[in-house]
Amino acid sequence: MQLSQAKTGKSYQICDKQCSEPLNQKLTLMGLGIGMVIELIALYKHGAVVTTPFGQIAIGSDLINTISVTLI
């Protein structure tokens, strides 16, 4: 499922990202690499807030539709 369809308060694992290579590298550096476990804190029309092992990260609406996650 896309991150934009996920439920708040649950933990997910990132399984795919459908974005350009430079953006993919930037997301990986932010702690949103494939295989990372995240918890969805809040979901808004304009983006989302997730918790990673590196802290909380705000993600824009343009990216929440490019990140695929699975429930763990």
PDB file of N, CA and C in Angstrom:
ATOM      1  N   MET A   1       0.842  -1.179   0.000  1.00  0.00           N
ATOM      2  CA  MET A   1       0.000   0.000   0.000  1.00  0.00           C
ATOM      3  C   MET A   1       0.887   1.241   0.000  1.00  0.00           C
ATOM      4  N   GLN A   2       0.341   2.329  -0.446  1.00  0.00           N
ATOM      5  CA  GLN A   2       1.061   3.597  -0.417  1.00  0.00           C
ATOM      6  C   GLN A   2       1.020   4.173   0.994  1.00  0.00           C
ATOM      7  N   LEU A   3       2.021   4.943   1.342  1.00  0.00           N
ATOM      8  CA  LEU A   3       2.061   5.572   2.665  1.00  0.00           C
ATOM      9  C   LEU A   3       0.831   6.458   2.868  1.00  0.00           C
ATOM     10  N   SER A   4       0.322   7.041   1.805  1.00  0.00           N
ATOM     11  CA  SER A   4      -0.861   7.904   1.906  1.00  0.00           C
ATOM     12  C   SER A   4      -2.112   7.129   2.311  1.00  0.00           C
ATOM     13  N   GLN A   5      -2.102   5.797   2.197  1.00  0.00           N
ATOM     14  CA  GLN A   5      -3.245   4.959   2.561  1.00  0.00           C
ATOM     15  C   GLN A   5      -3.072   4.275   3.911  1.00  0.00           C
ATOM     16  N   ALA A   6      -1.931   4.482   4.555  1.00  0.00           N
ATOM     17  CA  ALA A   6      -1.624   3.823   5.830  1.00  0.00           C
ATOM     18  C   ALA A   6      -2.433   4.445   6.969  1.00  0.00           C
ATOM     19  N   LYS A   7      -2.537   3.705   8.054  1.00  0.00           N
ATOM     20  CA  LYS A   7      -3.257   4.152   9.247  1.00  0.00           C
ATOM     21  C   LYS A   7      -2.273   4.691  10.274  1.00  0.00           C
ATOM     22  N   THR A   8      -2.655   5.775  10.939  1.00  0.00           N
ATOM     23  CA  THR A   8      -1.788   6.360  11.965  1.00  0.00           C
ATOM     24  C   THR A   8      -1.678   5.430  13.170  1.00  0.00           C
ATOM     25  N   GLY A   9      -0.529   5.523  13.850  1.00  0.00           N
ATOM     26  CA  GLY A   9      -0.306   4.744  15.049  1.00  0.00           C
ATOM     27  C   GLY A   9       0.189   3.333  14.806  1.00  0.00           C
ATOM     28  N   LYS A  10       0.403   2.949  13.558  1.00  0.00           N
ATOM     29  CA  LYS A  10       0.859   1.603  13.237  1.00  0.00           C
ATOM     30  C   LYS A  10       2.284   1.651  12.700  1.00  0.00           C
ATOM     31  N   SER A  11       2.986   0.530  12.799  1.00  0.00           N
ATOM     32  CA  SER A  11       4.354   0.427  12.295  1.00  0.00           C
ATOM     33  C   SER A  11       4.346  -0.219  10.920  1.00  0.00           C
ATOM     34  N   TYR A  12       5.189   0.293  10.046  1.00  0.00           N
ATOM     35  CA  TYR A  12       5.282  -0.184   8.666  1.00  0.00           C
ATOM     36  C   TYR A  12       6.739  -0.348   8.278  1.00  0.00           C
ATOM     37  N   GLN A  13       6.964  -1.167   7.266  1.00  0.00           N
ATOM     38  CA  GLN A  13       8.290  -1.307   6.694  1.00  0.00           C
ATOM     39  C   GLN A  13       8.226  -0.777   5.266  1.00  0.00           C
ATOM     40  N   ILE A  14       9.197   0.053   4.898  1.00  0.00           N
ATOM     41  CA  ILE A  14       9.235   0.598   3.543  1.00  0.00           C
ATOM     42  C   ILE A  14       9.689  -0.512   2.606  1.00  0.00           C
ATOM     43  N   CYS A  15       8.889  -0.775   1.565  1.00  0.00           N
ATOM     44  CA  CYS A  15       9.223  -1.860   0.652  1.00  0.00           C
ATOM     45  C   CYS A  15       9.563  -1.376  -0.746  1.00  0.00           C
ATOM     46  N   ASP A  16       9.206  -0.130  -1.104  1.00  0.00           N
ATOM     47  CA  ASP A  16       9.503   0.372  -2.439  1.00  0.00           C
ATOM     48  C   ASP A  16       9.327   1.882  -2.463  1.00  0.00           C
ATOM     49  N   LYS A  17      10.070   2.524  -3.372  1.00  0.00           N
ATOM     50  CA  LYS A  17       9.926   3.968  -3.585  1.00  0.00           C
ATOM     51  C   LYS A  17       9.922   4.219  -5.093  1.00  0.00           C
ATOM     52  N   GLN A  18       8.924   4.899  -5.572  1.00  0.00           N
ATOM     53  CA  GLN A  18       8.787   5.200  -6.991  1.00  0.00           C
ATOM     54  C   GLN A  18       9.148   6.659  -7.238  1.00  0.00           C
ATOM     55  N   CYS A  19      10.425   6.974  -7.153  1.00  0.00           N
ATOM     56  CA  CYS A  19      10.867   8.346  -7.344  1.00  0.00           C
ATOM     57  C   CYS A  19      12.214   8.347  -8.060  1.00  0.00           C
ATOM     58  N   SER A  20      12.671   9.515  -8.426  1.00  0.00           N
ATOM     59  CA  SER A  20      13.946   9.639  -9.132  1.00  0.00           C
ATOM     60  C   SER A  20      15.097   9.192  -8.232  1.00  0.00           C
ATOM     61  N   GLU A  21      16.215   8.819  -8.833  1.00  0.00           N
ATOM     62  CA  GLU A  21      17.368   8.342  -8.068  1.00  0.00           C
ATOM     63  C   GLU A  21      17.906   9.397  -7.099  1.00  0.00           C
ATOM     64  N   PRO A  22      18.053  10.673  -7.497  1.00  0.00           N
ATOM     65  CA  PRO A  22      18.522  11.669  -6.518  1.00  0.00           C
ATOM     66  C   PRO A  22      17.573  11.808  -5.318  1.00  0.00           C
ATOM     67  N   LEU A  23      16.274  11.777  -5.578  1.00  0.00           N
ATOM     68  CA  LEU A  23      15.299  11.872  -4.486  1.00  0.00           C
ATOM     69  C   LEU A  23      15.322  10.608  -3.638  1.00  0.00           C
ATOM     70  N   ASN A  24      15.502   9.472  -4.265  1.00  0.00           N
ATOM     71  CA  ASN A  24      15.614   8.211  -3.542  1.00  0.00           C
ATOM     72  C   ASN A  24      16.802   8.252  -2.591  1.00  0.00           C
ATOM     73  N   GLN A  25      17.934   8.759  -3.041  1.00  0.00           N
ATOM     74  CA  GLN A  25      19.114   8.877  -2.190  1.00  0.00           C
ATOM     75  C   GLN A  25      18.875   9.839  -1.032  1.00  0.00           C
ATOM     76  N   LYS A  26      18.185  10.944  -1.308  1.00  0.00           N
ATOM     77  CA  LYS A  26      17.880  11.915  -0.256  1.00  0.00           C
ATOM     78  C   LYS A  26      16.983  11.293   0.810  1.00  0.00           C
ATOM     79  N   LEU A  27      15.969  10.539   0.374  1.00  0.00           N
ATOM     80  CA  LEU A  27      15.078   9.879   1.329  1.00  0.00           C
ATOM     81  C   LEU A  27      15.834   8.851   2.163  1.00  0.00           C
ATOM     82  N   THR A  28      16.758   8.141   1.549  1.00  0.00           N
ATOM     83  CA  THR A  28      17.560   7.159   2.275  1.00  0.00           C
ATOM     84  C   THR A  28      18.395   7.839   3.351  1.00  0.00           C
ATOM     85  N   LEU A  29      18.995   8.976   3.015  1.00  0.00           N
ATOM     86  CA  LEU A  29      19.773   9.720   4.001  1.00  0.00           C
ATOM     87  C   LEU A  29      18.914  10.249   5.141  1.00  0.00           C
ATOM     88  N   MET A  30      17.643  10.507   4.868  1.00  0.00           N
ATOM     89  CA  MET A  30      16.714  10.981   5.892  1.00  0.00           C
ATOM     90  C   MET A  30      16.230   9.843   6.795  1.00  0.00           C
ATOM     91  N   GLY A  31      16.558   8.598   6.449  1.00  0.00           N
ATOM     92  CA  GLY A  31      16.107   7.464   7.244  1.00  0.00           C
ATOM     93  C   GLY A  31      14.905   6.774   6.665  1.00  0.00           C
ATOM     94  N   LEU A  32      14.608   7.037   5.397  1.00  0.00           N
ATOM     95  CA  LEU A  32      13.452   6.429   4.743  1.00  0.00           C
ATOM     96  C   LEU A  32      13.888   5.495   3.622  1.00  0.00           C
ATOM     97  N   GLY A  33      14.887   4.673   3.888  1.00  0.00           N
ATOM     98  CA  GLY A  33      15.374   3.714   2.910  1.00  0.00           C
ATOM     99  C   GLY A  33      14.527   2.458   2.886  1.00  0.00           C
ATOM    100  N   ILE A  34      14.672   1.685   1.832  1.00  0.00           N
ATOM    101  CA  ILE A  34      13.941   0.423   1.713  1.00  0.00           C
ATOM    102  C   ILE A  34      14.373  -0.492   2.854  1.00  0.00           C
ATOM    103  N   GLY A  35      13.396  -1.099   3.500  1.00  0.00           N
ATOM    104  CA  GLY A  35      13.655  -1.985   4.628  1.00  0.00           C
ATOM    105  C   GLY A  35      13.556  -1.302   5.979  1.00  0.00           C
ATOM    106  N   MET A  36      13.525   0.023   6.009  1.00  0.00           N
ATOM    107  CA  MET A  36      13.435   0.749   7.279  1.00  0.00           C
ATOM    108  C   MET A  36      12.042   0.589   7.882  1.00  0.00           C
ATOM    109  N   VAL A  37      12.002   0.498   9.198  1.00  0.00           N
ATOM    110  CA  VAL A  37      10.731   0.420   9.925  1.00  0.00           C
ATOM    111  C   VAL A  37      10.381   1.822  10.393  1.00  0.00           C
ATOM    112  N   ILE A  38       9.150   2.235  10.085  1.00  0.00           N
ATOM    113  CA  ILE A  38       8.676   3.557  10.484  1.00  0.00           C
ATOM    114  C   ILE A  38       7.328   3.417  11.186  1.00  0.00           C
ATOM    115  N   GLU A  39       6.978   4.420  11.962  1.00  0.00           N
ATOM    116  CA  GLU A  39       5.647   4.484  12.571  1.00  0.00           C
ATOM    117  C   GLU A  39       4.980   5.752  12.066  1.00  0.00           C
ATOM    118  N   LEU A  40       3.777   5.617  11.543  1.00  0.00           N
ATOM    119  CA  LEU A  40       3.036   6.769  11.039  1.00  0.00           C
ATOM    120  C   LEU A  40       2.396   7.494  12.216  1.00  0.00           C
ATOM    121  N   ILE A  41       2.827   8.720  12.468  1.00  0.00           N
ATOM    122  CA  ILE A  41       2.333   9.517  13.583  1.00  0.00           C
ATOM    123  C   ILE A  41       1.086  10.295  13.186  1.00  0.00           C
ATOM    124  N   ALA A  42       1.134  10.940  12.025  1.00  0.00           N
ATOM    125  CA  ALA A  42       0.008  11.763  11.569  1.00  0.00           C
ATOM    126  C   ALA A  42      -0.029  11.759  10.054  1.00  0.00           C
ATOM    127  N   LEU A  43      -1.228  11.824   9.487  1.00  0.00           N
ATOM    128  CA  LEU A  43      -1.422  11.877   8.043  1.00  0.00           C
ATOM    129  C   LEU A  43      -2.352  13.038   7.726  1.00  0.00           C
ATOM    130  N   TYR A  44      -1.894  13.924   6.866  1.00  0.00           N
ATOM    131  CA  TYR A  44      -2.642  15.113   6.482  1.00  0.00           C
ATOM    132  C   TYR A  44      -2.779  15.149   4.967  1.00  0.00           C
ATOM    133  N   LYS A  45      -3.608  16.061   4.458  1.00  0.00           N
ATOM    134  CA  LYS A  45      -3.705  16.261   3.006  1.00  0.00           C
ATOM    135  C   LYS A  45      -2.379  16.747   2.439  1.00  0.00           C
ATOM    136  N   HIS A  46      -1.657  17.526   3.214  1.00  0.00           N
ATOM    137  CA  HIS A  46      -0.420  18.130   2.743  1.00  0.00           C
ATOM    138  C   HIS A  46       0.827  17.334   3.139  1.00  0.00           C
ATOM    139  N   GLY A  47       0.676  16.128   3.689  1.00  0.00           N
ATOM    140  CA  GLY A  47       1.833  15.323   4.022  1.00  0.00           C
ATOM    141  C   GLY A  47       1.603  14.415   5.211  1.00  0.00           C
ATOM    142  N   ALA A  48       2.710  13.971   5.794  1.00  0.00           N
ATOM    143  CA  ALA A  48       2.647  13.040   6.917  1.00  0.00           C
ATOM    144  C   ALA A  48       3.834  13.277   7.843  1.00  0.00           C
ATOM    145  N   VAL A  49       3.702  12.775   9.063  1.00  0.00           N
ATOM    146  CA  VAL A  49       4.797  12.778  10.024  1.00  0.00           C
ATOM    147  C   VAL A  49       5.035  11.325  10.425  1.00  0.00           C
ATOM    148  N   VAL A  50       6.285  10.879  10.313  1.00  0.00           N
ATOM    149  CA  VAL A  50       6.641   9.513  10.679  1.00  0.00           C
ATOM    150  C   VAL A  50       7.787   9.531  11.681  1.00  0.00           C
ATOM    151  N   THR A  51       7.877   8.467  12.465  1.00  0.00           N
ATOM    152  CA  THR A  51       8.998   8.279  13.364  1.00  0.00           C
ATOM    153  C   THR A  51       9.880   7.190  12.775  1.00  0.00           C
ATOM    154  N   THR A  52      11.168   7.478  12.691  1.00  0.00           N
ATOM    155  CA  THR A  52      12.172   6.519  12.230  1.00  0.00           C
ATOM    156  C   THR A  52      13.154   6.291  13.375  1.00  0.00           C
ATOM    157  N   PRO A  53      14.100   5.379  13.220  1.00  0.00           N
ATOM    158  CA  PRO A  53      15.120   5.217  14.268  1.00  0.00           C
ATOM    159  C   PRO A  53      15.942   6.489  14.480  1.00  0.00           C
ATOM    160  N   PHE A  54      15.876   7.426  13.528  1.00  0.00           N
ATOM    161  CA  PHE A  54      16.650   8.666  13.606  1.00  0.00           C
ATOM    162  C   PHE A  54      15.843   9.851  14.126  1.00  0.00           C
ATOM    163  N   GLY A  55      14.557   9.657  14.409  1.00  0.00           N
ATOM    164  CA  GLY A  55      13.707  10.732  14.905  1.00  0.00           C
ATOM    165  C   GLY A  55      12.475  10.911  14.040  1.00  0.00           C
ATOM    166  N   GLN A  56      11.729  11.975  14.308  1.00  0.00           N
ATOM    167  CA  GLN A  56      10.515  12.250  13.541  1.00  0.00           C
ATOM    168  C   GLN A  56      10.857  13.029  12.284  1.00  0.00           C
ATOM    169  N   ILE A  57      10.153  12.687  11.192  1.00  0.00           N
ATOM    170  CA  ILE A  57      10.386  13.315   9.893  1.00  0.00           C
ATOM    171  C   ILE A  57       9.049  13.700   9.286  1.00  0.00           C
ATOM    172  N   ALA A  58       8.980  14.923   8.750  1.00  0.00           N
ATOM    173  CA  ALA A  58       7.805  15.364   8.002  1.00  0.00           C
ATOM    174  C   ALA A  58       8.035  15.036   6.527  1.00  0.00           C
ATOM    175  N   ILE A  59       7.010  14.478   5.885  1.00  0.00           N
ATOM    176  CA  ILE A  59       7.097  14.095   4.474  1.00  0.00           C
ATOM    177  C   ILE A  59       6.006  14.847   3.726  1.00  0.00           C
ATOM    178  N   GLY A  60       6.370  15.465   2.617  1.00  0.00           N
ATOM    179  CA  GLY A  60       5.419  16.237   1.818  1.00  0.00           C
ATOM    180  C   GLY A  60       4.435  15.362   1.062  1.00  0.00           C
ATOM    181  N   SER A  61       3.346  15.967   0.634  1.00  0.00           N
ATOM    182  CA  SER A  61       2.297  15.240  -0.078  1.00  0.00           C
ATOM    183  C   SER A  61       2.793  14.652  -1.395  1.00  0.00           C
ATOM    184  N   ASP A  62       3.809  15.274  -2.005  1.00  0.00           N
ATOM    185  CA  ASP A  62       4.350  14.742  -3.250  1.00  0.00           C
ATOM    186  C   ASP A  62       5.080  13.416  -3.036  1.00  0.00           C
ATOM    187  N   LEU A  63       5.525  13.144  -1.806  1.00  0.00           N
ATOM    188  CA  LEU A  63       6.279  11.919  -1.531  1.00  0.00           C
ATOM    189  C   LEU A  63       5.454  10.802  -0.911  1.00  0.00           C
ATOM    190  N   ILE A  64       4.366  11.125  -0.221  1.00  0.00           N
ATOM    191  CA  ILE A  64       3.617  10.065   0.462  1.00  0.00           C
ATOM    192  C   ILE A  64       2.951   9.115  -0.530  1.00  0.00           C
ATOM    193  N   ASN A  65       2.813   9.540  -1.781  1.00  0.00           N
ATOM    194  CA  ASN A  65       2.256   8.654  -2.801  1.00  0.00           C
ATOM    195  C   ASN A  65       3.331   7.856  -3.526  1.00  0.00           C
ATOM    196  N   THR A  66       4.599   8.159  -3.291  1.00  0.00           N
ATOM    197  CA  THR A  66       5.678   7.422  -3.959  1.00  0.00           C
ATOM    198  C   THR A  66       6.296   6.361  -3.077  1.00  0.00           C
ATOM    199  N   ILE A  67       5.974   6.353  -1.790  1.00  0.00           N
ATOM    200  CA  ILE A  67       6.555   5.393  -0.848  1.00  0.00           C
ATOM    201  C   ILE A  67       5.538   4.275  -0.576  1.00  0.00           C
ATOM    202  N   SER A  68       5.951   3.044  -0.868  1.00  0.00           N
ATOM    203  CA  SER A  68       5.113   1.871  -0.596  1.00  0.00           C
ATOM    204  C   SER A  68       5.564   1.224   0.707  1.00  0.00           C
ATOM    205  N   VAL A  69       4.597   0.822   1.527  1.00  0.00           N
ATOM    206  CA  VAL A  69       4.884   0.232   2.829  1.00  0.00           C
ATOM    207  C   VAL A  69       4.083  -1.043   3.021  1.00  0.00           C
ATOM    208  N   THR A  70       4.561  -1.878   3.952  1.00  0.00           N
ATOM    209  CA  THR A  70       3.808  -3.068   4.386  1.00  0.00           C
ATOM    210  C   THR A  70       3.667  -2.988   5.895  1.00  0.00           C
ATOM    211  N   LEU A  71       2.544  -3.452   6.391  1.00  0.00           N
ATOM    212  CA  LEU A  71       2.272  -3.465   7.834  1.00  0.00           C
ATOM    213  C   LEU A  71       3.100  -4.555   8.493  1.00  0.00           C
ATOM    214  N   ILE A  72       3.722  -4.214   9.625  1.00  0.00           N
ATOM    215  CA  ILE A  72       4.478  -5.247  10.365  1.00  0.00           C
ATOM    216  C   ILE A  72       3.887  -5.445  11.736  1.00  0.00           C
TER     217      ILE A  72
END
